[in-house]
Amino acid sequence: MSVAVEERRYPDNAMRCPGPEEEVVKKEVMERLSRELRETTREKVQAAEYGLAVLEEKQLLQLRHDELEEEHDAVRQELQQLKEAFGQAYSNHRKVAADGESREESLIQESACKEAYYEQRVLVLQSDLRQSRNITTNTQSENERLAAINLEMREVSTMIESHLSGPRDEIAELIWSWW
C-alpha cells in the first residue's frame, strides 16, 4: 500500500496523535511494509541472480555457438576438400578405366593378330614339313635305287674284272714276249 492510501484511512489528526491502537496499526503497517520491502528486495536479488545466471548461460551458449560455427566451417571445408578429392579420384578412376579398356582392346587386337600370324605360320611350317618329308622319302627312295645300281655296277665290274683278268694275263705275256 502506498502512503496516500494509508493517509486516507486515517485522518490527518489521527496520524499526528497516535494512540495505542494507532501505534499497533502503524507497527503492523511498518512490519507489513518491511516484509514487502524484504520480499521485493529478495525478488530483485533473485531476479538479478537469475539475470546473471542467464547472462552467464548466454555467454556459455555464445561460446559454444562460436565453437560450433568454427567446427561447422571446418567440417564444411573438409567436406568441400573431400568432394574435390572424390571428384579427382573419380575422374582418375574413369581415366584409368578408359585407359584400361583401351589397353585391353589393344591387347585383344594385338593378341588376335599374333594368333592369326602364328596360325598362318603353323600352316606354312606344316606345309614345309610335309614337303620335307616328301623330299626325304623321295631322297631315300633315290638313295636306295642308286645303292642298288651301285651294287649292281660293282657286281658287273667284279664280273668283268674276273673275265678280263684271264685275257689280261695273256695280253701281258704277249706284250712281254714282244719285247
Protein backbone atom coordinates (compact mmCIF):
# COMPACT_ATOMS: atom_id res chain seq x y z
CA MET A 1 0.00 0.00 0.00
CA SER A 2 1.11 3.47 -0.73
CA VAL A 3 1.37 6.31 1.79
CA ALA A 4 -1.56 8.12 0.19
CA VAL A 5 -3.80 5.13 0.80
CA GLU A 6 -2.63 4.96 4.41
CA GLU A 7 -3.36 8.64 4.89
CA ARG A 8 -6.90 8.22 3.58
CA ARG A 9 -7.63 5.52 6.09
CA TYR A 10 -6.52 7.71 8.90
CA PRO A 11 -7.46 11.32 9.19
CA ASP A 12 -4.66 13.87 9.44
CA ASN A 13 -5.18 14.33 13.14
CA ALA A 14 -5.01 10.59 13.75
CA MET A 15 -1.62 10.43 12.23
CA ARG A 16 -0.41 13.24 14.26
CA CYS A 17 -1.64 11.98 17.59
CA PRO A 18 -1.08 8.40 17.76
CA GLY A 19 -2.93 6.33 20.23
CA PRO A 20 -2.24 2.76 21.31
CA GLU A 21 -4.40 1.40 18.52
CA GLU A 22 -2.83 3.63 16.03
CA GLU A 23 0.57 2.54 17.25
CA VAL A 24 -0.40 -1.06 16.67
CA VAL A 25 -1.72 -0.21 13.24
CA LYS A 26 1.43 1.77 12.47
CA LYS A 27 3.54 -1.08 13.73
CA GLU A 28 1.57 -3.56 11.61
CA VAL A 29 1.85 -1.25 8.62
CA MET A 30 5.58 -0.87 9.22
CA GLU A 31 6.01 -4.61 9.61
CA ARG A 32 3.95 -5.22 6.50
CA LEU A 33 5.92 -2.62 4.55
CA SER A 34 9.19 -4.07 5.85
CA ARG A 35 8.05 -7.55 4.79
CA GLU A 36 7.01 -6.25 1.39
CA LEU A 37 10.31 -4.38 1.08
CA ARG A 38 12.26 -7.51 2.09
CA GLU A 39 10.15 -9.58 -0.31
CA THR A 40 10.65 -7.05 -3.09
CA THR A 41 14.37 -6.85 -2.31
CA ARG A 42 14.62 -10.64 -2.24
CA GLU A 43 12.72 -10.82 -5.54
CA LYS A 44 15.01 -8.17 -7.04
CA VAL A 45 18.10 -10.01 -5.78
CA GLN A 46 16.68 -13.27 -7.09
CA ALA A 47 15.84 -11.58 -10.41
CA ALA A 48 19.36 -10.16 -10.52
CA GLU A 49 20.80 -13.62 -9.78
CA TYR A 50 18.60 -15.11 -12.49
CA GLY A 51 19.68 -12.32 -14.81
CA LEU A 52 23.35 -13.01 -14.04
CA ALA A 53 22.77 -16.73 -14.49
CA VAL A 54 21.02 -16.03 -17.79
CA LEU A 55 23.91 -13.78 -18.86
CA GLU A 56 26.45 -16.44 -17.88
CA GLU A 57 24.44 -19.08 -19.71
CA LYS A 58 24.14 -16.75 -22.70
CA GLN A 59 27.91 -16.26 -22.70
CA LEU A 60 28.46 -20.02 -22.44
CA LEU A 61 25.93 -20.60 -25.21
CA GLN A 62 27.58 -17.89 -27.31
CA LEU A 63 30.98 -19.54 -26.79
CA ARG A 64 29.51 -22.93 -27.66
CA HIS A 65 27.77 -21.37 -30.67
CA ASP A 66 31.07 -19.86 -31.81
CA GLU A 67 32.83 -23.20 -31.32
CA LEU A 68 30.09 -24.97 -33.28
CA GLU A 69 30.31 -22.34 -36.02
CA GLU A 70 34.07 -22.89 -36.27
CA GLU A 71 33.57 -26.64 -36.24
CA HIS A 72 30.83 -26.29 -38.87
CA ASP A 73 33.13 -24.20 -41.06
CA ALA A 74 35.95 -26.72 -40.62
CA VAL A 75 33.62 -29.62 -41.45
CA ARG A 76 32.25 -27.72 -44.45
CA GLN A 77 35.80 -27.07 -45.70
CA GLU A 78 36.73 -30.70 -45.10
CA LEU A 79 33.58 -31.78 -46.95
CA GLN A 80 34.49 -29.49 -49.83
CA GLN A 81 38.01 -30.91 -49.90
CA LEU A 82 36.62 -34.44 -49.77
CA LYS A 83 34.23 -33.64 -52.62
CA GLU A 84 37.12 -32.27 -54.66
CA ALA A 85 39.30 -35.27 -53.79
CA PHE A 86 36.45 -37.64 -54.63
CA GLY A 87 35.87 -35.83 -57.91
CA GLN A 88 39.56 -36.07 -58.73
CA ALA A 89 39.71 -39.74 -57.69
CA TYR A 90 36.56 -40.48 -59.69
CA SER A 91 38.00 -38.66 -62.70
CA ASN A 92 41.28 -40.56 -62.34
CA HIS A 93 39.39 -43.83 -61.94
CA ARG A 94 37.36 -43.13 -65.07
CA LYS A 95 40.53 -42.24 -66.96
CA VAL A 96 42.34 -45.35 -65.70
CA ALA A 97 39.28 -47.46 -66.52
CA ALA A 98 39.09 -45.94 -70.00
CA ASP A 99 42.83 -46.42 -70.47
CA GLY A 100 42.47 -49.95 -69.15
CA GLU A 101 39.63 -50.67 -71.55
CA SER A 102 41.59 -49.14 -74.41
CA ARG A 103 44.70 -51.10 -73.41
CA GLU A 104 42.61 -54.26 -73.06
CA GLU A 105 41.09 -53.73 -76.51
CA SER A 106 44.57 -53.06 -77.89
CA LEU A 107 45.93 -56.21 -76.24
CA ILE A 108 42.98 -58.26 -77.51
CA GLN A 109 43.52 -56.93 -81.03
CA GLU A 110 47.27 -57.50 -80.78
CA SER A 111 46.66 -60.99 -79.42
CA ALA A 112 44.23 -61.73 -82.26
CA CYS A 113 46.80 -60.52 -84.81
CA LYS A 114 49.53 -62.63 -83.23
CA GLU A 115 47.21 -65.61 -83.09
CA ALA A 116 46.35 -65.22 -86.79
CA TYR A 117 50.06 -64.79 -87.62
CA TYR A 118 51.06 -67.88 -85.65
CA GLU A 119 48.19 -69.92 -87.10
CA GLN A 120 49.37 -68.92 -90.58
CA ARG A 121 52.96 -69.66 -89.57
CA VAL A 122 51.92 -73.12 -88.27
CA LEU A 123 50.16 -73.83 -91.58
CA VAL A 124 53.27 -72.78 -93.53
CA LEU A 125 55.52 -74.87 -91.27
CA GLN A 126 53.18 -77.86 -91.59
CA SER A 127 53.29 -77.49 -95.37
CA ASP A 128 57.10 -77.18 -95.25
CA LEU A 129 57.24 -80.27 -93.02
CA ARG A 130 55.08 -82.26 -95.46
CA GLN A 131 57.30 -81.14 -98.34
CA SER A 132 60.43 -82.01 -96.35
CA ARG A 133 59.01 -85.44 -95.55
CA ASN A 134 58.14 -85.99 -99.22
CA ILE A 135 61.63 -84.85 -100.25
CA THR A 136 63.15 -87.10 -97.58
CA THR A 137 61.06 -90.04 -98.75
CA ASN A 138 61.95 -89.35 -102.39
CA THR A 139 65.62 -88.91 -101.47
CA GLN A 140 65.62 -92.16 -99.53
CA SER A 141 63.98 -93.94 -102.46
CA GLU A 142 66.53 -92.38 -104.83
CA ASN A 143 69.38 -93.36 -102.48
CA GLU A 144 68.08 -96.92 -102.32
CA ARG A 145 67.74 -97.01 -106.13
CA LEU A 146 71.25 -95.60 -106.57
CA ALA A 147 72.61 -98.02 -103.95
CA ALA A 148 71.02 -100.89 -105.86
CA ILE A 149 72.52 -99.58 -109.13
CA ASN A 150 75.88 -99.13 -107.41
CA LEU A 151 75.75 -102.69 -106.08
CA GLU A 152 74.77 -103.97 -109.48
CA MET A 153 77.60 -101.97 -111.07
CA ARG A 154 80.09 -103.39 -108.60
CA GLU A 155 78.91 -106.87 -109.30
CA VAL A 156 79.19 -106.22 -113.04
CA SER A 157 82.61 -104.64 -112.52
CA THR A 158 83.77 -107.61 -110.46
CA MET A 159 82.45 -109.98 -113.04
CA ILE A 160 84.15 -108.04 -115.88
CA GLU A 161 87.36 -107.93 -113.92
CA SER A 162 87.25 -111.62 -113.32
CA HIS A 163 86.58 -112.22 -117.04
CA LEU A 164 89.25 -109.78 -118.07
CA SER A 165 91.88 -110.92 -115.63
CA GLY A 166 92.48 -114.13 -117.61
CA PRO A 167 92.91 -112.42 -121.01
CA ARG A 168 94.81 -109.63 -119.36
CA ASP A 169 97.38 -112.02 -118.12
CA GLU A 170 97.60 -113.46 -121.62
CA ILE A 171 97.91 -109.98 -123.15
CA ALA A 172 100.59 -109.05 -120.64
CA GLU A 173 102.52 -112.20 -121.55
CA LEU A 174 102.20 -111.40 -125.21
CA ILE A 175 103.42 -107.87 -124.65
CA TRP A 176 106.42 -109.18 -122.68
CA SER A 177 107.09 -111.59 -125.21
CA TRP A 178 107.26 -108.99 -127.90
CA TRP A 179 109.90 -107.14 -126.23
